[in-house]
């Protein structure tokens, strides 16, 4: 046997051994993946009533503190800048700005916050950047906004229990002037082609699961509009495993499409100033996931008092479900 033949056989054997080792390693990683619980909260506005509660030494998140931490990862929609600078935009009816004193309360309860919404820019770009700086100093990751377009559209990577989950956040409710640009700060705007492309890109980058967190729909509408339904289904067709939404200030129900969950709106979580009863009750969404996707989920009712503080409602009936079910059902809150 020539030296060249022997060398060729040796190389093939080494490659085969490496392939087996890689397969075993991947099998080991898959076996290590444990079910992971993610919790999503709706709109968190810490100015006005909630801000006054905090300034007086209170804590509007206290009634839900245990439920927020009973998770592997908790994220909510931060519906206001956190800043002392900036100036309220003159052309907006409602503008919010929370004091940085709110940060320790968020840090203890949320692993990340979405900033893709129609109030993040209420006090201008400088206050928006100040918000990002406060969150960074507090060690709270954020998604759906950044110092430029690329940063605003970057996924939030959640690695828990052997799973790699990409969360993407987008706003599509005016004003569009809050949108990030190539070299200016702002939020991630929802353009269908870009959203679809970024879901696919997250998959290609190694995401086991992809979850878009949307700020969409019409305020105070109890059911999702056709626009929301169309986009939600397109996102699932592109590879999203669950679609979660907010903004309408009321809950909007849930459904399955191709076996994957869509929760159209979680409603308010910490918010005051609403007279409608529907705007005073939101949902905390709890997802149990593994590499195959969604295993089970439920919602916890949050009854919001006049100061904007949410309170659990044991016994309340809210949507829930498990993998393989044809439609969501109602479960009693613990």
Protein backbone atom coordinates (compact mmCIF):
# COMPACT_ATOMS: atom_id res chain seq x y z
CA UNK A 1 0.00 0.00 0.00
CA UNK A 2 1.43 3.37 -0.98
CA UNK A 3 1.98 6.19 1.52
CA UNK A 4 -0.59 8.31 -0.33
CA UNK A 5 -3.32 5.66 0.03
CA UNK A 6 -2.53 5.20 3.73
CA UNK A 7 -2.68 8.97 4.28
CA UNK A 8 -6.03 9.15 2.48
CA UNK A 9 -7.52 6.38 4.61
CA UNK A 10 -6.21 8.02 7.77
CA UNK A 11 -7.78 11.35 6.81
CA UNK A 12 -11.13 9.72 6.03
CA UNK A 13 -11.06 7.91 9.37
CA UNK A 14 -10.29 11.16 11.20
CA UNK A 15 -13.14 12.94 9.43
CA UNK A 16 -15.56 10.14 10.25
CA UNK A 17 -14.48 10.21 13.89
CA UNK A 18 -14.96 13.98 14.03
CA UNK A 19 -18.44 13.66 12.51
CA UNK A 20 -19.42 11.08 15.12
CA UNK A 21 -18.07 13.28 17.92
CA UNK A 22 -20.02 16.29 16.59
CA UNK A 23 -23.23 14.26 16.36
CA UNK A 24 -22.76 13.02 19.93
CA UNK A 25 -22.11 16.56 21.14
CA UNK A 26 -25.26 17.84 19.45
CA UNK A 27 -27.25 14.96 20.91
CA UNK A 28 -25.91 15.81 24.35
CA UNK A 29 -26.88 19.48 23.96
CA UNK A 30 -30.37 18.52 22.81
CA UNK A 31 -30.75 16.16 25.75
CA UNK A 32 -29.69 18.95 28.11
CA UNK A 33 -32.41 21.33 26.87
CA UNK A 34 -34.95 21.63 29.68
CA UNK A 35 -38.37 23.30 29.52
CA UNK A 36 -38.01 27.06 29.96
CA UNK A 37 -40.62 29.49 31.27
CA UNK A 38 -40.81 32.94 29.70
CA UNK A 39 -43.10 35.64 31.08
CA UNK A 40 -44.35 38.60 29.03
CA UNK A 41 -45.97 41.69 30.55
CA UNK A 42 -47.92 44.34 28.65
CA UNK A 43 -47.62 48.12 28.82
CA UNK A 44 -45.60 49.46 31.76
CA UNK A 45 -46.00 53.22 32.15
CA UNK A 46 -44.18 54.62 35.19
CA UNK A 47 -45.12 58.30 34.99
CA UNK A 48 -48.33 59.90 36.38
CA UNK A 49 -50.07 57.67 38.95
CA UNK A 50 -47.44 54.91 39.08
CA UNK A 51 -44.71 57.56 39.15
CA UNK A 52 -46.35 59.30 42.10
CA UNK A 53 -46.64 55.98 43.92
CA UNK A 54 -42.92 55.34 43.44
CA UNK A 55 -41.97 58.91 44.45
CA UNK A 56 -43.90 58.38 47.69
CA UNK A 57 -41.95 55.19 48.44
CA UNK A 58 -44.50 52.75 47.04
CA UNK A 59 -44.01 49.95 44.53
CA UNK A 60 -46.64 49.35 41.84
CA UNK A 61 -44.96 46.07 40.87
CA UNK A 62 -45.05 44.60 44.38
CA UNK A 63 -48.37 42.74 44.03
CA UNK A 64 -46.96 40.79 41.07
CA UNK A 65 -43.35 40.52 42.27
CA UNK A 66 -43.47 36.78 43.01
CA UNK A 67 -45.19 36.00 39.70
CA UNK A 68 -42.71 38.09 37.72
CA UNK A 69 -39.78 36.21 39.21
CA UNK A 70 -41.39 32.77 38.88
CA UNK A 71 -39.81 32.42 35.46
CA UNK A 72 -36.54 31.74 33.72
CA UNK A 73 -36.85 35.05 31.89
CA UNK A 74 -39.28 37.97 32.22
CA UNK A 75 -39.78 40.79 29.71
CA UNK A 76 -42.25 43.68 29.54
CA UNK A 77 -43.01 46.65 27.31
CA UNK A 78 -41.57 49.87 28.77
CA UNK A 79 -44.17 52.42 27.66
CA UNK A 80 -42.20 55.56 28.56
CA UNK A 81 -38.71 57.00 28.48
CA UNK A 82 -36.76 56.99 31.74
CA UNK A 83 -35.00 60.34 31.84
CA UNK A 84 -34.69 63.76 33.41
CA UNK A 85 -33.78 65.51 30.16
CA UNK A 86 -35.66 66.22 26.97
CA UNK A 87 -38.80 68.15 26.20
CA UNK A 88 -42.32 66.83 25.68
CA UNK A 89 -43.28 66.75 22.01
CA UNK A 90 -45.82 69.49 21.37
CA UNK A 91 -47.78 67.52 18.76
CA UNK A 92 -48.62 64.55 21.02
CA UNK A 93 -51.76 64.44 23.15
CA UNK A 94 -50.20 62.18 25.80
CA UNK A 95 -46.52 62.24 26.69
CA UNK A 96 -44.84 60.25 29.46
CA UNK A 97 -41.44 60.36 31.17
CA UNK A 98 -40.47 58.33 34.24
CA UNK A 99 -37.84 59.40 36.76
CA UNK A 100 -34.71 57.23 37.01
CA UNK A 101 -35.77 56.31 40.56
CA UNK A 102 -37.96 53.63 38.94
CA UNK A 103 -34.93 51.60 37.79
CA UNK A 104 -34.32 49.58 40.99
CA UNK A 105 -37.95 48.38 40.88
CA UNK A 106 -37.57 47.23 37.28
CA UNK A 107 -34.19 45.64 37.90
CA UNK A 108 -35.60 43.35 40.54
CA UNK A 109 -38.44 42.09 38.36
CA UNK A 110 -37.52 42.18 34.65
CA UNK A 111 -34.69 40.47 32.81
CA UNK A 112 -35.25 42.70 29.76
CA UNK A 113 -37.57 45.41 28.46
CA UNK A 114 -38.94 46.18 25.01
CA UNK A 115 -38.77 49.83 23.95
CA UNK A 116 -40.46 49.49 20.54
CA UNK A 117 -43.59 51.54 21.15
CA UNK A 118 -45.26 54.88 20.48
CA UNK A 119 -44.15 56.57 23.73
CA UNK A 120 -40.41 55.82 23.86
CA UNK A 121 -39.71 59.05 21.97
CA UNK A 122 -42.16 61.27 23.85
CA UNK A 123 -39.36 63.58 25.10
CA UNK A 124 -37.17 63.47 22.02
CA UNK A 125 -34.12 61.54 20.92
CA UNK A 126 -31.88 62.78 23.72
CA UNK A 127 -34.27 61.44 26.37
CA UNK A 128 -34.56 58.18 24.43
CA UNK A 129 -30.78 57.74 24.46
CA UNK A 130 -30.75 58.67 28.15
CA UNK A 131 -33.26 55.85 28.69
CA UNK A 132 -30.94 53.37 26.97
CA UNK A 133 -28.04 54.59 29.09
CA UNK A 134 -30.03 54.16 32.31
CA UNK A 135 -31.04 50.64 31.34
CA UNK A 136 -27.46 49.75 30.45
CA UNK A 137 -26.12 51.06 33.75
CA UNK A 138 -28.84 49.14 35.60
CA UNK A 139 -27.93 45.95 33.75
CA UNK A 140 -31.33 45.61 32.07
CA UNK A 141 -31.09 44.50 28.42
CA UNK A 142 -33.52 46.05 25.97
CA UNK A 143 -34.86 45.18 22.53
CA UNK A 144 -36.68 47.03 19.77
CA UNK A 145 -34.65 50.22 19.99
CA UNK A 146 -31.10 51.48 19.81
CA UNK A 147 -28.68 54.20 18.85
CA UNK A 148 -29.08 53.42 15.15
CA UNK A 149 -31.11 51.27 12.78
CA UNK A 150 -28.97 48.15 13.09
CA UNK A 151 -28.99 48.25 16.90
CA UNK A 152 -32.74 48.87 17.02
CA UNK A 153 -33.43 45.79 14.93
CA UNK A 154 -30.99 43.46 16.68
CA UNK A 155 -32.62 40.46 18.36
CA UNK A 156 -32.49 39.94 22.10
CA UNK A 157 -30.85 36.56 22.66
CA UNK A 158 -32.15 34.57 25.61
CA UNK A 159 -30.15 31.49 26.55
CA UNK A 160 -31.76 29.36 29.21
CA UNK A 161 -31.96 25.62 29.83
CA UNK A 162 -29.97 24.75 26.74
CA UNK A 163 -32.29 26.78 24.51
CA UNK A 164 -31.32 29.79 22.40
CA UNK A 165 -34.34 32.05 21.94
CA UNK A 166 -34.45 35.20 19.78
CA UNK A 167 -36.93 37.90 20.80
CA UNK A 168 -37.61 40.64 18.24
CA UNK A 169 -39.62 43.78 19.04
CA UNK A 170 -41.31 46.20 16.65
CA UNK A 171 -43.64 49.21 16.75
CA UNK A 172 -46.11 50.10 14.01
CA UNK A 173 -48.22 52.77 15.69
CA UNK A 174 -47.58 56.45 14.95
CA UNK A 175 -45.59 58.62 15.19
CA UNK A 176 -43.11 57.11 12.77
CA UNK A 177 -40.71 59.92 13.65
CA UNK A 178 -39.61 57.70 16.56
CA UNK A 179 -38.11 55.22 14.08
CA UNK A 180 -34.35 54.62 14.23
CA UNK A 181 -32.30 55.54 11.17
CA UNK A 182 -28.89 54.63 9.75
CA UNK A 183 -27.14 57.04 12.13
CA UNK A 184 -29.78 58.26 14.57
CA UNK A 185 -31.48 56.62 17.57
CA UNK A 186 -35.01 55.33 17.79
CA UNK A 187 -37.25 52.28 17.77
CA UNK A 188 -37.55 49.34 15.37
CA UNK A 189 -40.37 50.07 12.93
CA UNK A 190 -42.51 47.20 11.66
CA UNK A 191 -42.09 46.84 7.91
CA UNK A 192 -43.40 43.46 6.77
CA UNK A 193 -40.48 42.53 4.53
CA UNK A 194 -37.93 43.50 7.17
CA UNK A 195 -39.75 41.70 9.97
CA UNK A 196 -39.99 38.53 7.89
CA UNK A 197 -36.34 38.79 6.90
CA UNK A 198 -35.21 39.27 10.49
CA UNK A 199 -37.19 36.26 11.71
CA UNK A 200 -35.47 34.15 9.05
CA UNK A 201 -32.10 35.69 9.90
CA UNK A 202 -32.54 34.81 13.58
CA UNK A 203 -33.23 31.21 12.59
CA UNK A 204 -30.14 31.17 10.38
CA UNK A 205 -28.10 32.61 13.28
CA UNK A 206 -28.94 29.60 15.41
CA UNK A 207 -32.17 30.45 17.22
CA UNK A 208 -34.03 27.39 18.48
CA UNK A 209 -37.13 29.56 18.90
CA UNK A 210 -38.13 33.01 17.61
CA UNK A 211 -40.72 35.23 19.32
CA UNK A 212 -41.77 38.61 17.87
CA UNK A 213 -43.10 41.08 20.49
CA UNK A 214 -45.33 43.52 18.58
CA UNK A 215 -46.70 46.98 19.38
CA UNK A 216 -49.67 47.16 17.01
CA UNK A 217 -53.42 47.39 16.56
CA UNK A 218 -56.03 50.02 17.34
CA UNK A 219 -56.51 51.34 20.85
CA UNK A 220 -59.49 50.11 22.87
CA UNK A 221 -60.50 47.55 20.21
CA UNK A 222 -61.48 44.26 21.85
CA UNK A 223 -60.58 42.15 18.80
CA UNK A 224 -57.52 42.19 16.55
CA UNK A 225 -57.79 43.83 13.17
CA UNK A 226 -57.16 42.14 9.85
CA UNK A 227 -53.76 43.79 9.66
CA UNK A 228 -52.67 42.11 12.90
CA UNK A 229 -54.01 38.72 11.80
CA UNK A 230 -52.30 38.92 8.42
CA UNK A 231 -48.92 39.93 9.84
CA UNK A 232 -49.08 37.40 12.68
CA UNK A 233 -49.66 34.59 10.22
CA UNK A 234 -46.93 35.81 7.91
CA UNK A 235 -44.50 35.83 10.85
CA UNK A 236 -45.40 32.27 11.74
CA UNK A 237 -45.03 31.23 8.10
CA UNK A 238 -41.55 32.77 8.23
CA UNK A 239 -40.58 30.74 11.31
CA UNK A 240 -41.91 32.49 14.42
CA UNK A 241 -42.88 30.05 17.19
CA UNK A 242 -45.11 32.40 19.21
CA UNK A 243 -46.35 35.93 18.45
CA UNK A 244 -47.03 38.28 21.37
CA UNK A 245 -48.62 41.73 21.04
CA UNK A 246 -49.61 44.83 22.92
CA UNK A 247 -50.56 48.52 22.53
CA UNK A 248 -54.41 48.55 22.32
CA UNK A 249 -54.66 49.06 26.14
CA UNK A 250 -57.13 46.16 26.24
CA UNK A 251 -56.66 42.43 25.82
CA UNK A 252 -57.57 41.04 22.40
CA UNK A 253 -57.74 37.30 22.75
CA UNK A 254 -55.56 34.46 21.50
CA UNK A 255 -55.65 31.85 18.76
CA UNK A 256 -53.54 29.22 17.07
CA UNK A 257 -52.29 29.29 13.51
CA UNK A 258 -50.57 26.18 12.17
CA UNK A 259 -50.39 25.00 15.77
CA UNK A 260 -48.54 28.12 16.95
CA UNK A 261 -49.83 30.62 19.48
CA UNK A 262 -50.77 34.23 18.76
CA UNK A 263 -51.68 36.46 21.73
CA UNK A 264 -52.78 39.66 20.04
CA UNK A 265 -52.69 42.04 22.99
CA UNK A 266 -51.74 41.69 26.65
CA UNK A 267 -53.36 45.03 27.45
CA UNK A 268 -52.08 47.30 30.20
CA UNK A 269 -49.95 46.09 33.08
CA UNK A 270 -48.91 49.22 35.00
CA UNK A 271 -50.92 52.19 33.74
CA UNK A 272 -53.45 54.71 35.02
CA UNK A 273 -55.80 57.24 33.46
CA UNK A 274 -58.34 54.90 31.85
CA UNK A 275 -62.06 54.98 32.60
CA UNK A 276 -63.02 51.86 30.62
CA UNK A 277 -63.15 48.65 32.70
CA UNK A 278 -61.51 46.73 29.84
CA UNK A 279 -58.44 48.96 30.04
CA UNK A 280 -58.10 48.26 33.75
CA UNK A 281 -57.47 44.54 33.28
CA UNK A 282 -54.44 43.12 31.49
CA UNK A 283 -52.74 39.74 31.22
CA UNK A 284 -49.39 38.41 32.28
CA UNK A 285 -48.47 35.74 29.73
CA UNK A 286 -46.53 32.65 30.84
CA UNK A 287 -44.98 30.38 28.18
CA UNK A 288 -43.39 26.99 28.80
CA UNK A 289 -41.10 26.09 25.90
CA UNK A 290 -38.59 23.51 24.81
CA UNK A 291 -36.71 22.85 21.59
CA UNK A 292 -39.87 21.60 19.90
CA UNK A 293 -41.69 24.88 20.61
CA UNK A 294 -44.54 25.76 22.95
CA UNK A 295 -45.48 23.09 25.49
CA UNK A 296 -48.05 25.00 27.56
CA UNK A 297 -49.13 28.55 28.31
CA UNK A 298 -51.47 30.54 30.46
CA UNK A 299 -52.42 34.11 31.30
CA UNK A 300 -52.81 35.74 34.71
CA UNK A 301 -55.32 38.55 35.12
CA UNK A 302 -53.96 41.88 36.35
CA UNK A 303 -56.67 44.14 37.76
CA UNK A 304 -55.36 47.72 37.71
CA UNK A 305 -56.41 50.16 40.42
CA UNK A 306 -56.89 53.93 40.16
CA UNK A 307 -53.17 54.54 40.78
CA UNK A 308 -52.13 52.21 37.97
CA UNK A 309 -51.03 49.33 40.20
CA UNK A 310 -51.90 45.81 38.98
CA UNK A 311 -53.31 43.19 41.37
CA UNK A 312 -53.61 39.41 40.86
CA UNK A 313 -57.12 37.98 40.57
CA UNK A 314 -57.17 34.40 41.95
CA UNK A 315 -60.00 32.41 40.37
CA UNK A 316 -60.34 34.68 37.32
CA UNK A 317 -60.84 32.81 34.07
CA UNK A 318 -58.30 33.73 31.40
CA UNK A 319 -56.96 32.03 28.24
CA UNK A 320 -54.59 29.09 28.45
CA UNK A 321 -53.61 26.01 26.49
CA UNK A 322 -51.23 23.17 25.72
CA UNK A 323 -49.42 21.87 22.68
CA UNK A 324 -51.66 19.90 20.37
CA UNK A 325 -54.92 21.56 21.35
CA UNK A 326 -57.12 22.93 18.58
CA UNK A 327 -58.12 26.14 20.35
CA UNK A 328 -57.31 28.09 23.51
CA UNK A 329 -59.46 27.44 26.56
CA UNK A 330 -60.09 29.20 29.86
CA UNK A 331 -58.26 28.38 33.08
CA UNK A 332 -58.82 29.63 36.62
CA UNK A 333 -55.99 31.82 37.87
CA UNK A 334 -54.07 30.36 40.84
